[in-house]
């Protein structure tokens, strides 16, 4: 059985990409390993993201906001998939990823930018979580061994359009 490394990119690497990393590492069933990074890392994980993940039974130890430069180094794990989860990261020039990983844009609104009372903010994080959870569930259930590169690229793009 192959292990597929998946990198989730976002500008700040504090909420969406962190949630995607944790979700994939749980749903991946040993077939997928999730990573996350940002072009301009916030330096800390958003507390709302951590609270939501912990409440839903995800491991949060080891999650940290980091630069995508860490995962572009020669000694970093080779990536099979690179997925952007925010609009800002999709338009930026990404570092070179060895091995030509499959890539797609899975844009999700930034729950960290939502303003309002605590309930409004928590709802924004929950909505983001549900979208990412659905997309990642679709990814881990793809018949990767039966899809050629073109079909897989199409599937990745289609998954990025999925809501809840």
Protein backbone atom coordinates (compact mmCIF):
# COMPACT_ATOMS: atom_id res chain seq x y z
CA UNK A 1 0.00 0.00 0.00
CA UNK A 2 1.36 3.41 -0.99
CA UNK A 3 1.60 6.35 1.39
CA UNK A 4 0.55 9.63 -0.22
CA UNK A 5 1.91 12.88 1.19
CA UNK A 6 -0.48 15.81 0.91
CA UNK A 7 0.49 19.43 1.54
CA UNK A 8 -2.24 21.96 2.32
CA UNK A 9 -1.15 25.54 1.65
CA UNK A 10 -2.63 28.77 2.91
CA UNK A 11 -1.20 32.20 3.51
CA UNK A 12 -1.14 32.24 7.33
CA UNK A 13 -1.18 28.49 8.06
CA UNK A 14 -3.20 29.11 11.20
CA UNK A 15 -6.70 27.73 10.56
CA UNK A 16 -7.85 26.14 7.26
CA UNK A 17 -4.62 24.38 6.28
CA UNK A 18 -4.05 23.28 9.88
CA UNK A 19 -7.57 21.82 10.08
CA UNK A 20 -7.06 20.04 6.74
CA UNK A 21 -3.77 18.53 7.95
CA UNK A 22 -5.39 17.17 11.13
CA UNK A 23 -8.46 15.87 9.29
CA UNK A 24 -6.42 14.06 6.64
CA UNK A 25 -4.11 12.49 9.20
CA UNK A 26 -7.16 10.98 10.89
CA UNK A 27 -9.26 10.09 7.84
CA UNK A 28 -6.28 8.96 5.78
CA UNK A 29 -6.19 5.57 7.42
CA UNK A 30 -2.44 5.19 7.04
CA UNK A 31 -2.65 5.75 3.26
CA UNK A 32 -2.28 9.53 3.49
CA UNK A 33 -0.05 11.82 5.53
CA UNK A 34 -1.12 15.44 5.81
CA UNK A 35 1.15 18.47 6.09
CA UNK A 36 0.38 22.17 6.11
CA UNK A 37 2.32 25.37 5.58
CA UNK A 38 1.90 29.00 4.61
CA UNK A 39 3.58 31.67 2.53
CA UNK A 40 3.39 34.14 5.43
CA UNK A 41 2.83 31.98 8.50
CA UNK A 42 0.99 33.59 11.40
CA UNK A 43 3.36 31.92 13.84
CA UNK A 44 0.59 30.36 15.90
CA UNK A 45 -2.41 28.14 15.31
CA UNK A 46 -5.77 29.87 15.69
CA UNK A 47 -7.26 28.84 19.08
CA UNK A 48 -10.72 28.38 17.52
CA UNK A 49 -9.26 25.85 15.07
CA UNK A 50 -7.54 23.93 17.86
CA UNK A 51 -10.66 23.95 20.03
CA UNK A 52 -12.85 22.67 17.17
CA UNK A 53 -10.39 19.91 16.28
CA UNK A 54 -10.03 18.77 19.89
CA UNK A 55 -13.80 18.82 20.44
CA UNK A 56 -14.18 16.56 17.40
CA UNK A 57 -11.56 14.07 18.60
CA UNK A 58 -8.61 15.09 16.41
CA UNK A 59 -5.04 15.06 17.63
CA UNK A 60 -3.59 18.55 17.78
CA UNK A 61 -0.17 17.86 19.25
CA UNK A 62 2.51 18.82 16.78
CA UNK A 63 0.28 21.21 14.82
CA UNK A 64 2.09 24.49 14.26
CA UNK A 65 2.10 27.43 11.88
CA UNK A 66 5.13 27.17 9.57
CA UNK A 67 6.54 28.47 6.31
CA UNK A 68 6.19 26.48 3.13
CA UNK A 69 9.97 26.88 2.80
CA UNK A 70 10.33 24.12 5.44
CA UNK A 71 8.52 21.66 3.20
CA UNK A 72 10.29 22.74 0.01
CA UNK A 73 13.75 21.79 1.29
CA UNK A 74 15.58 18.82 -0.24
CA UNK A 75 15.30 16.85 3.04
CA UNK A 76 11.52 17.34 3.30
CA UNK A 77 9.14 14.46 2.50
CA UNK A 78 8.26 14.31 -1.21
CA UNK A 79 4.73 15.57 -1.83
CA UNK A 80 2.25 13.68 -3.98
CA UNK A 81 -0.44 16.37 -3.76
CA UNK A 82 -0.28 20.13 -3.09
CA UNK A 83 -3.66 21.70 -2.37
CA UNK A 84 -4.26 25.40 -1.74
CA UNK A 85 -7.15 26.08 0.64
CA UNK A 86 -7.30 29.86 0.47
CA UNK A 87 -7.64 32.27 -2.43
CA UNK A 88 -4.54 34.25 -1.48
CA UNK A 89 -2.22 31.23 -1.62
CA UNK A 90 -3.64 30.10 -4.96
CA UNK A 91 -2.43 33.27 -6.67
CA UNK A 92 1.03 33.30 -5.15
CA UNK A 93 4.15 31.85 -6.68
CA UNK A 94 4.77 28.58 -4.88
CA UNK A 95 8.19 27.10 -4.29
CA UNK A 96 9.30 24.32 -6.59
CA UNK A 97 7.95 20.98 -5.41
CA UNK A 98 10.17 18.07 -6.48
CA UNK A 99 8.49 15.17 -8.23
CA UNK A 100 5.73 17.21 -9.89
CA UNK A 101 2.97 16.62 -7.33
CA UNK A 102 -0.65 16.86 -8.40
CA UNK A 103 -2.11 20.22 -7.40
CA UNK A 104 -5.52 21.82 -7.12
CA UNK A 105 -7.19 24.80 -5.52
CA UNK A 106 -9.68 23.96 -2.77
CA UNK A 107 -10.52 27.52 -1.70
CA UNK A 108 -12.49 27.98 1.50
CA UNK A 109 -13.47 31.26 3.18
CA UNK A 110 -11.20 32.22 6.05
CA UNK A 111 -13.07 31.71 9.33
CA UNK A 112 -10.37 33.71 11.14
CA UNK A 113 -11.55 36.83 9.29
CA UNK A 114 -15.14 36.50 10.52
CA UNK A 115 -16.12 39.18 13.01
CA UNK A 116 -19.02 39.00 15.40
CA UNK A 117 -20.00 37.35 18.62
CA UNK A 118 -18.46 34.08 19.77
CA UNK A 119 -21.30 32.00 18.28
CA UNK A 120 -20.84 33.61 14.84
CA UNK A 121 -17.10 32.92 14.86
CA UNK A 122 -17.57 29.32 16.03
CA UNK A 123 -20.16 28.76 13.29
CA UNK A 124 -17.68 30.05 10.67
CA UNK A 125 -15.05 27.59 11.90
CA UNK A 126 -17.60 24.75 11.94
CA UNK A 127 -18.66 25.54 8.36
CA UNK A 128 -15.03 25.52 7.21
CA UNK A 129 -14.42 22.25 9.04
CA UNK A 130 -17.44 20.60 7.39
CA UNK A 131 -16.34 21.65 3.88
CA UNK A 132 -12.76 20.46 4.43
CA UNK A 133 -13.93 17.23 6.04
CA UNK A 134 -16.18 16.47 3.06
CA UNK A 135 -13.47 17.22 0.50
CA UNK A 136 -10.87 15.17 2.34
CA UNK A 137 -13.30 12.25 2.69
CA UNK A 138 -13.75 12.34 -1.09
CA UNK A 139 -9.96 12.44 -1.62
CA UNK A 140 -9.22 9.45 0.61
CA UNK A 141 -11.92 7.43 -1.13
CA UNK A 142 -10.63 8.02 -4.66
CA UNK A 143 -9.47 4.83 -6.41
CA UNK A 144 -5.98 6.27 -6.89
CA UNK A 145 -4.56 3.07 -8.36
CA UNK A 146 -7.21 3.10 -11.10
CA UNK A 147 -6.94 6.75 -12.19
CA UNK A 148 -4.45 8.09 -14.69
CA UNK A 149 -2.84 11.48 -14.04
CA UNK A 150 -5.35 13.43 -16.15
CA UNK A 151 -8.39 11.79 -14.52
CA UNK A 152 -6.89 12.31 -11.06
CA UNK A 153 -6.26 16.00 -11.79
CA UNK A 154 -9.89 16.37 -12.88
CA UNK A 155 -11.11 14.63 -9.71
CA UNK A 156 -8.98 16.90 -7.51
CA UNK A 157 -10.39 20.00 -9.19
CA UNK A 158 -13.95 18.71 -8.84
CA UNK A 159 -13.44 17.97 -5.16
CA UNK A 160 -12.32 21.59 -4.72
CA UNK A 161 -15.77 22.72 -5.88
CA UNK A 162 -17.58 20.53 -3.33
CA UNK A 163 -19.36 22.21 -0.47
CA UNK A 164 -21.22 20.28 2.19
